[in-house]
Amino acid sequence: MFLSRLVYYSRSRIGRDPQTLQTEIDRILESARLHNRPSKITGALAFDRTWFVQVLEGGREEITETLSRILVDPRHEDLVLTEVTAISERAFRQWAMTFVDDSGLTQEICTRFSISVPLNPPLMSTASLHGLVRALVETQARAGQIRT
């Protein structure tokens, strides 16, 4: 299998109610567990209550199928695919899908990867989006706050 990485961002259509947010994020993660492990997909999903930024890694066909499901998911709108590229190794190999919320989205992390605070993915390069997600995962993993 040739490894590929897919990076996208989308605007959230989930309301701001904390219970609704929790329920919908749990549903997203359950779907990822159901589909990603059997398909050998790894990755990370960052969410700041306005934007989703996701990195998927795996076979080209498998990540394309995953993207197809995301494109029809009513929790996303204005999805922008920023990259699909061949990679030599996975950045998120230990997680079928890890989730990081905005608790680790500090001003320092935002300004390291973006020209604006708060987060504004349309103003970010693919490398910055990928770097942001990696930094968030690393920060929250150190704090023991990773959800899978």
Protein backbone atom coordinates (compact mmCIF):
# COMPACT_ATOMS: atom_id res chain seq x y z
CA MET A 1 0.00 0.00 0.00
CA PHE A 2 1.26 3.44 -0.89
CA LEU A 3 0.78 5.81 2.03
CA SER A 4 -0.96 9.10 1.48
CA ARG A 5 -1.88 12.06 3.65
CA LEU A 6 -5.04 14.09 3.25
CA VAL A 7 -5.55 17.44 4.97
CA TYR A 8 -8.77 19.42 5.04
CA TYR A 9 -10.62 22.00 7.07
CA SER A 10 -14.33 22.69 7.31
CA ARG A 11 -16.69 24.93 9.21
CA SER A 12 -18.67 23.26 11.96
CA ARG A 13 -22.45 23.10 11.72
CA ILE A 14 -22.71 21.76 15.26
CA GLY A 15 -24.44 24.19 17.59
CA ARG A 16 -22.68 25.78 20.55
CA ASP A 17 -24.66 23.94 23.22
CA PRO A 18 -22.11 21.96 25.31
CA GLN A 19 -24.28 18.82 25.44
CA THR A 20 -24.84 18.87 21.68
CA LEU A 21 -21.13 19.43 21.06
CA GLN A 22 -20.18 16.50 23.29
CA THR A 23 -22.75 14.19 21.71
CA GLU A 24 -21.71 15.02 18.15
CA ILE A 25 -17.99 14.73 18.83
CA ASP A 26 -18.62 11.34 20.46
CA ARG A 27 -20.52 10.28 17.31
CA ILE A 28 -17.69 11.43 15.05
CA LEU A 29 -15.14 9.49 17.10
CA GLU A 30 -17.34 6.39 17.17
CA SER A 31 -17.62 6.50 13.37
CA ALA A 32 -13.84 6.90 13.10
CA ARG A 33 -13.29 3.87 15.34
CA LEU A 34 -15.73 1.85 13.27
CA HIS A 35 -14.20 2.71 9.89
CA ASN A 36 -10.56 3.70 10.39
CA ARG A 37 -8.99 0.69 12.10
CA PRO A 38 -10.24 -1.86 9.53
CA SER A 39 -9.13 0.51 6.74
CA LYS A 40 -5.71 1.12 8.36
CA ILE A 41 -6.36 4.86 8.53
CA THR A 42 -4.64 6.97 11.15
CA GLY A 43 -4.93 10.64 11.86
CA ALA A 44 -6.02 13.48 14.06
CA LEU A 45 -9.02 15.78 14.21
CA ALA A 46 -8.73 19.23 15.78
CA PHE A 47 -11.84 21.22 16.63
CA ASP A 48 -12.11 24.71 18.06
CA ARG A 49 -15.94 24.88 18.07
CA THR A 50 -15.93 26.77 14.76
CA TRP A 51 -13.48 24.85 12.58
CA PHE A 52 -12.55 21.23 12.03
CA VAL A 53 -9.00 20.59 10.82
CA GLN A 54 -8.22 16.97 10.06
CA VAL A 55 -5.23 14.99 8.89
CA LEU A 56 -5.87 11.48 7.55
CA GLU A 57 -3.14 8.97 6.69
CA GLY A 58 -3.46 5.67 4.88
CA GLY A 59 -3.99 4.17 1.46
CA ARG A 60 -5.21 6.59 -1.19
CA GLU A 61 -8.42 4.66 -1.80
CA GLU A 62 -9.20 4.36 1.91
CA ILE A 63 -8.68 8.04 2.70
CA THR A 64 -10.73 8.98 -0.36
CA GLU A 65 -13.59 6.80 0.92
CA THR A 66 -13.31 8.48 4.31
CA LEU A 67 -13.40 11.91 2.72
CA SER A 68 -16.51 10.88 0.77
CA ARG A 69 -18.29 10.14 4.07
CA ILE A 70 -17.16 13.46 5.55
CA LEU A 71 -18.37 15.40 2.50
CA VAL A 72 -21.96 14.26 3.12
CA ASP A 73 -21.78 14.63 6.91
CA PRO A 74 -24.23 17.40 7.91
CA ARG A 75 -21.91 18.51 10.75
CA HIS A 76 -19.49 19.98 8.17
CA GLU A 77 -19.89 22.80 5.67
CA ASP A 78 -17.53 24.67 3.37
CA LEU A 79 -15.03 21.80 3.37
CA VAL A 80 -11.73 22.69 1.71
CA LEU A 81 -9.32 19.93 0.76
CA THR A 82 -5.83 21.41 1.03
CA GLU A 83 -3.68 18.38 0.30
CA VAL A 84 -3.56 14.78 -0.83
CA THR A 85 0.03 13.66 -1.13
CA ALA A 86 2.23 10.58 -0.93
CA ILE A 87 4.10 10.18 2.35
CA SER A 88 6.86 7.84 3.49
CA GLU A 89 5.69 7.50 7.10
CA ARG A 90 2.73 8.30 9.31
CA ALA A 91 2.75 11.21 11.74
CA PHE A 92 -0.16 9.80 13.78
CA ARG A 93 0.61 6.07 13.54
CA GLN A 94 -0.52 5.25 17.08
CA TRP A 95 -4.08 6.55 16.62
CA ALA A 96 -6.87 5.36 14.33
CA MET A 97 -8.19 8.83 15.11
CA THR A 98 -7.21 11.14 17.89
CA PHE A 99 -9.27 14.16 18.79
CA VAL A 100 -7.97 17.43 20.18
CA ASP A 101 -10.21 20.25 21.24
CA ASP A 102 -9.51 23.92 21.74
CA SER A 103 -8.24 23.51 25.32
CA GLY A 104 -4.70 23.26 23.94
CA LEU A 105 -5.15 25.95 21.32
CA THR A 106 -3.01 28.57 23.02
CA GLN A 107 -2.05 31.90 21.55
CA GLU A 108 1.52 30.59 21.29
CA ILE A 109 0.46 27.60 19.18
CA CYS A 110 -1.87 29.72 17.03
CA THR A 111 0.77 32.35 16.29
CA ARG A 112 3.41 29.70 15.57
CA PHE A 113 1.31 28.34 12.69
CA SER A 114 -1.09 31.11 11.72
CA ILE A 115 -1.11 34.81 11.04
CA SER A 116 -4.27 35.27 13.09
CA VAL A 117 -5.76 34.49 16.47
CA PRO A 118 -8.32 33.00 16.77
CA LEU A 119 -7.78 30.12 14.40
CA ASN A 120 -8.61 30.91 10.77
CA PRO A 121 -7.77 27.94 8.49
CA PRO A 122 -8.55 29.74 5.21
CA LEU A 123 -5.55 31.97 5.94
CA MET A 124 -3.22 29.02 6.62
CA SER A 125 -1.04 26.90 4.37
CA THR A 126 -1.32 23.12 4.33
CA ALA A 127 2.04 22.86 6.12
CA SER A 128 0.74 25.20 8.83
CA LEU A 129 -2.50 23.22 9.21
CA HIS A 130 -0.57 19.97 9.51
CA GLY A 131 1.91 21.54 11.95
CA LEU A 132 -0.90 22.98 14.03
CA VAL A 133 -2.63 19.60 14.37
CA ARG A 134 0.67 17.90 15.29
CA ALA A 135 1.46 20.56 17.90
CA LEU A 136 -2.00 20.25 19.42
CA VAL A 137 -1.73 16.46 19.58
CA GLU A 138 1.72 16.67 21.18
CA THR A 139 0.58 19.29 23.71
CA GLN A 140 -2.53 17.41 24.72
CA ALA A 141 -0.73 14.03 24.79
CA ARG A 142 1.78 15.49 27.27
CA ALA A 143 -1.13 16.75 29.37
CA GLY A 144 -2.94 13.41 29.17
CA GLN A 145 -5.91 15.01 27.41
CA ILE A 146 -5.97 12.99 24.18
CA ARG A 147 -9.29 11.45 23.15
CA THR A 148 -9.49 8.59 20.71
